[in-house]
N, C-alpha and C. Protein backbone atom coordinates (compact mmCIF):
# COMPACT_ATOMS: atom_id res chain seq x y z
N UNK A 1 108.52 136.24 82.48
CA UNK A 1 107.91 135.17 83.71
C UNK A 1 107.19 133.98 83.04
N UNK A 2 106.14 134.39 82.06
CA UNK A 2 105.38 133.25 81.36
C UNK A 2 106.28 132.20 80.52
N UNK A 3 107.18 132.95 80.06
CA UNK A 3 108.31 131.97 79.06
C UNK A 3 108.86 130.97 80.27
N UNK A 4 109.38 131.52 81.22
CA UNK A 4 110.12 130.72 82.14
C UNK A 4 109.17 129.67 82.60
N UNK A 5 107.96 129.99 83.10
CA UNK A 5 107.22 129.01 83.64
C UNK A 5 106.69 127.89 82.65
N UNK A 6 106.53 128.49 81.37
CA UNK A 6 106.22 127.43 80.36
C UNK A 6 107.38 126.47 79.90
N UNK A 7 108.87 126.94 80.06
CA UNK A 7 109.83 126.31 80.16
C UNK A 7 110.09 125.07 80.93
N UNK A 8 109.70 125.59 82.22
CA UNK A 8 109.90 124.71 83.35
C UNK A 8 108.93 123.66 83.05
N UNK A 9 107.48 123.92 82.61
CA UNK A 9 106.72 122.88 82.57
C UNK A 9 106.91 121.94 81.71
N UNK A 10 107.72 122.28 80.41
CA UNK A 10 107.98 121.49 79.29
C UNK A 10 109.20 120.54 79.61
N UNK A 11 110.27 121.05 80.61
CA UNK A 11 111.35 120.43 80.98
C UNK A 11 110.57 119.27 81.77
N UNK A 12 109.90 119.58 82.75
CA UNK A 12 109.27 118.14 83.71
C UNK A 12 108.52 117.47 82.89
N UNK A 13 107.75 117.83 81.80
CA UNK A 13 107.10 116.87 80.93
C UNK A 13 107.96 116.05 80.12
N UNK A 14 108.95 116.65 79.58
CA UNK A 14 110.22 115.89 78.77
C UNK A 14 110.81 114.96 79.64
N UNK A 15 110.92 115.28 81.05
CA UNK A 15 111.72 114.42 81.77
C UNK A 15 110.80 113.32 81.96
N UNK A 16 109.53 113.48 82.43
CA UNK A 16 108.67 112.19 82.61
C UNK A 16 108.62 111.43 81.80
N UNK A 17 108.34 111.77 80.48
CA UNK A 17 108.18 111.18 79.23
C UNK A 17 109.52 110.08 78.83
N UNK A 18 110.58 110.60 79.34
CA UNK A 18 112.12 109.94 79.27
C UNK A 18 112.05 108.94 80.05
N UNK A 19 111.55 109.16 81.52
CA UNK A 19 111.59 108.18 82.34
C UNK A 19 110.89 107.10 82.18
N UNK A 20 109.61 107.27 81.79
CA UNK A 20 108.46 106.26 81.33
C UNK A 20 108.68 105.68 79.98
N UNK A 21 109.49 106.15 79.01
CA UNK A 21 109.30 105.76 77.86
C UNK A 21 109.74 104.31 77.43
N UNK A 22 110.65 104.01 78.20
CA UNK A 22 111.13 102.49 78.38
C UNK A 22 111.39 101.80 79.64
N UNK A 23 110.16 101.58 80.25
CA UNK A 23 110.58 101.31 81.62
C UNK A 23 111.14 99.89 82.04
N UNK A 24 111.82 99.72 83.07
CA UNK A 24 112.75 98.59 83.53
C UNK A 24 112.17 97.39 83.43
N UNK A 25 110.61 97.53 83.64
CA UNK A 25 109.98 96.25 83.21
C UNK A 25 109.52 95.95 81.91
N UNK A 26 110.14 96.28 80.82
CA UNK A 26 109.96 96.00 79.57
C UNK A 26 110.99 94.90 79.09
N UNK A 27 110.34 94.07 78.10
CA UNK A 27 111.06 93.01 77.92
C UNK A 27 110.96 93.13 76.28
N UNK A 28 112.07 92.65 75.59
CA UNK A 28 112.20 92.54 74.19
C UNK A 28 112.55 90.84 73.83
N UNK A 29 111.85 90.01 72.97
CA UNK A 29 111.95 88.85 72.58
C UNK A 29 112.29 88.61 71.11
N UNK A 30 113.21 87.75 71.25
CA UNK A 30 113.74 87.10 69.66
C UNK A 30 113.46 85.81 69.73
N UNK A 31 113.19 85.19 68.24
CA UNK A 31 112.95 84.09 68.19
C UNK A 31 113.95 83.50 67.45
N UNK A 32 114.81 82.51 67.98
CA UNK A 32 116.09 82.02 67.25
C UNK A 32 116.00 80.37 67.25
N UNK A 33 116.78 79.90 66.12
CA UNK A 33 116.86 78.44 66.15
C UNK A 33 117.38 77.62 67.60
N UNK A 34 117.57 78.40 68.48
CA UNK A 34 118.24 77.75 69.83
C UNK A 34 117.20 77.84 70.69
N UNK A 35 116.17 78.76 70.43
CA UNK A 35 114.74 79.03 71.48
C UNK A 35 114.90 80.61 71.55
N UNK A 36 113.66 80.82 72.17
CA UNK A 36 113.62 82.38 72.36
C UNK A 36 114.73 83.16 73.25
N UNK A 37 114.76 84.29 73.25
CA UNK A 37 116.05 85.17 73.96
C UNK A 37 114.88 86.26 74.42
N UNK A 38 114.79 86.49 75.66
CA UNK A 38 114.08 87.47 76.20
C UNK A 38 114.98 88.27 77.06
N UNK A 39 115.25 89.58 76.54
CA UNK A 39 116.04 90.66 77.20
C UNK A 39 115.01 91.34 78.23
N UNK A 40 115.15 91.34 79.35
CA UNK A 40 114.35 91.99 80.43
C UNK A 40 115.25 93.11 81.14
N UNK A 41 114.69 94.00 80.92
CA UNK A 41 115.38 95.35 81.13
C UNK A 41 115.28 95.22 82.91
N UNK A 42 114.39 95.05 83.75
CA UNK A 42 114.81 94.78 84.75
C UNK A 42 115.89 94.13 85.53
N UNK A 43 116.32 93.18 84.83
CA UNK A 43 117.34 92.35 85.37
C UNK A 43 118.81 93.18 85.04
N UNK A 44 118.91 94.04 83.81
CA UNK A 44 119.77 94.80 83.65
C UNK A 44 119.73 96.06 84.45
N UNK A 45 118.63 96.76 84.57
CA UNK A 45 118.38 97.89 85.41
C UNK A 45 118.96 97.61 86.82
N UNK A 46 118.49 96.28 87.39
CA UNK A 46 118.91 95.57 88.87
C UNK A 46 120.15 95.99 88.82
N UNK A 47 120.87 95.47 87.91
CA UNK A 47 122.79 95.44 87.98
C UNK A 47 123.11 97.06 88.02
N UNK A 48 122.33 97.99 87.97
CA UNK A 48 122.74 99.32 87.92
C UNK A 48 123.45 99.95 86.60
N UNK A 49 122.62 99.08 85.61
CA UNK A 49 122.84 99.65 84.15
C UNK A 49 121.80 100.52 83.40
N UNK A 50 122.29 101.63 82.97
CA UNK A 50 121.51 102.54 82.58
C UNK A 50 121.23 102.31 81.12
N UNK A 51 119.81 102.63 80.65
CA UNK A 51 119.77 102.49 79.00
C UNK A 51 120.60 103.20 77.99
N UNK A 52 121.10 104.28 78.70
CA UNK A 52 122.03 105.16 77.59
C UNK A 52 123.34 104.52 77.56
N UNK A 53 123.84 103.55 78.13
CA UNK A 53 125.15 102.91 78.14
C UNK A 53 125.17 102.05 76.75
N UNK A 54 123.64 101.42 76.64
CA UNK A 54 123.72 100.80 75.32
C UNK A 54 122.91 101.34 74.19
N UNK A 55 122.11 102.22 74.46
CA UNK A 55 121.54 102.91 73.41
C UNK A 55 121.66 104.26 73.24
N UNK A 56 121.72 104.64 72.13
CA UNK A 56 121.73 104.06 70.69
C UNK A 56 123.09 103.57 70.37
N UNK A 57 124.05 103.72 71.15
CA UNK A 57 125.60 103.42 70.68
C UNK A 57 125.87 101.90 70.25
N UNK A 58 125.27 101.21 71.05
CA UNK A 58 125.01 99.62 70.80
C UNK A 58 124.23 99.14 69.99
N UNK A 59 122.95 99.49 70.51
CA UNK A 59 121.65 99.07 69.92
C UNK A 59 120.74 100.19 69.48
N UNK A 60 120.16 100.05 68.43
CA UNK A 60 119.25 101.07 67.97
C UNK A 60 118.20 100.94 69.12
N UNK A 61 117.45 102.00 68.85
CA UNK A 61 115.90 102.13 69.79
C UNK A 61 114.87 101.37 69.26
N UNK A 62 115.05 100.98 68.08
CA UNK A 62 113.83 100.34 67.63
C UNK A 62 114.14 98.63 67.83
N UNK A 63 112.89 98.07 67.63
CA UNK A 63 112.90 96.39 67.38
C UNK A 63 112.20 95.95 66.33
N UNK A 64 112.40 95.41 65.55
CA UNK A 64 113.82 95.00 65.50
C UNK A 64 114.89 95.46 64.89
N UNK A 65 116.08 95.55 65.94
CA UNK A 65 117.02 96.20 65.64
C UNK A 65 117.89 95.69 64.58
N UNK A 66 119.28 95.54 65.13
CA UNK A 66 120.21 95.02 64.17
C UNK A 66 120.21 93.50 64.20
N UNK A 67 120.58 92.65 63.08
CA UNK A 67 120.40 91.32 63.28
C UNK A 67 121.52 90.64 63.84
N UNK A 68 121.47 90.29 65.10
CA UNK A 68 122.59 89.73 65.86
C UNK A 68 123.18 88.13 65.67
N UNK A 69 123.99 88.10 65.47
CA UNK A 69 124.45 86.62 65.26
C UNK A 69 125.49 86.31 66.34
N UNK A 70 125.31 84.84 66.94
CA UNK A 70 126.36 84.46 68.06
C UNK A 70 128.01 84.68 67.58
N UNK A 71 128.25 84.50 66.49
CA UNK A 71 129.49 84.92 66.23
C UNK A 71 129.98 86.32 66.48
N UNK A 72 128.89 87.38 66.23
CA UNK A 72 129.37 88.62 66.50
C UNK A 72 129.06 88.90 67.96
N UNK A 73 128.25 88.09 68.64
CA UNK A 73 128.32 88.55 70.30
C UNK A 73 129.65 88.12 70.50
N UNK A 74 130.04 86.57 70.56
CA UNK A 74 131.25 86.17 70.96
C UNK A 74 132.33 87.09 70.46
N UNK A 75 132.38 87.56 69.82
CA UNK A 75 133.59 88.67 69.02
C UNK A 75 133.44 89.85 69.38
N UNK A 76 132.55 90.21 70.67
CA UNK A 76 132.41 91.26 71.36
C UNK A 76 131.66 92.51 70.98
N UNK A 77 130.73 92.34 70.21
CA UNK A 77 129.84 93.18 69.61
C UNK A 77 128.09 92.72 70.36
N UNK A 78 127.50 93.85 69.99
CA UNK A 78 125.88 93.77 70.71
C UNK A 78 126.35 93.03 72.10
N UNK A 79 125.54 92.18 72.51
CA UNK A 79 125.62 91.67 74.05
C UNK A 79 126.87 91.67 74.46
N UNK A 80 127.84 91.11 73.56
CA UNK A 80 129.14 90.72 73.99
C UNK A 80 129.78 91.85 74.36
N UNK A 81 129.45 92.95 74.25
CA UNK A 81 130.13 94.64 74.77
C UNK A 81 130.46 94.10 76.32
N UNK A 82 129.26 93.61 76.98
CA UNK A 82 129.34 93.61 78.18
C UNK A 82 129.57 91.92 78.96
N UNK A 83 128.79 91.01 78.05
CA UNK A 83 128.65 89.86 78.16
C UNK A 83 130.03 89.16 77.67
N UNK A 84 131.43 89.62 78.44
CA UNK A 84 132.58 89.43 77.91
C UNK A 84 133.56 88.55 78.98
N UNK A 85 132.98 87.87 80.05
CA UNK A 85 133.35 87.15 80.95
C UNK A 85 134.19 88.14 82.41
N UNK A 86 134.15 89.19 81.87
CA UNK A 86 134.50 90.14 82.96
C UNK A 86 133.36 90.87 83.42
N UNK A 87 132.62 92.00 82.94
CA UNK A 87 131.63 92.61 83.28
C UNK A 87 130.51 91.55 83.58
N UNK A 88 130.08 90.74 82.62
CA UNK A 88 129.11 89.83 82.77
C UNK A 88 129.39 88.46 81.99
N UNK A 89 128.48 87.37 82.61
CA UNK A 89 129.08 85.97 81.97
C UNK A 89 129.17 86.28 80.50
N UNK A 90 130.29 85.21 80.11
CA UNK A 90 130.47 84.93 78.43
C UNK A 90 129.42 84.28 77.99
N UNK A 91 128.73 84.56 76.86
CA UNK A 91 127.86 83.62 75.97
C UNK A 91 128.38 82.14 75.82
N UNK A 92 129.40 82.01 75.43
CA UNK A 92 130.18 80.72 74.97
C UNK A 92 129.95 79.81 76.15
N UNK A 93 129.00 78.74 76.05
CA UNK A 93 128.89 77.75 76.97
C UNK A 93 127.92 77.87 78.14
N UNK A 94 127.29 79.24 77.83
CA UNK A 94 126.08 79.35 78.82
C UNK A 94 124.91 79.90 77.71
N UNK A 95 124.69 78.80 77.01
CA UNK A 95 123.38 79.12 76.24
C UNK A 95 122.09 79.13 76.80
N UNK A 96 121.93 78.36 77.81
CA UNK A 96 120.62 78.16 78.37
C UNK A 96 120.44 79.58 79.29
N UNK A 97 121.39 80.49 79.66
CA UNK A 97 120.92 81.24 80.35
C UNK A 97 120.24 82.52 79.44
N UNK A 98 120.31 82.65 78.14
CA UNK A 98 119.46 83.31 77.70
C UNK A 98 118.66 82.82 76.71
N UNK A 99 118.80 81.33 76.03
CA UNK A 99 118.18 81.04 75.08
C UNK A 99 117.26 80.09 75.73
N UNK A 100 115.95 80.04 75.91
CA UNK A 100 114.99 79.42 76.32
C UNK A 100 113.86 78.57 75.34
N UNK A 101 113.97 76.98 75.42
CA UNK A 101 113.04 76.31 74.78
C UNK A 101 112.11 76.12 75.03
């Protein structure tokens, strides 16, 4: 009985930590030659996208992660996996949506 209670407590604690480890309100910023890019978790969560859709398969769970280049994004890597003109806006021609001067 004690083991079951301890397992239940640990499961609840682990779930709580996972739920709050990276809140939707978290932002990650990159300085680029075209201006600062700010990834806002709430914007993506608001679209129903779960963290696990991108992490760790497309993006590592640490910052800074991979060095992203626009050529890679436009080729369908990193942000370009979803920002392909079908699921989300294409980056080509939409620079100001992500890059803020």
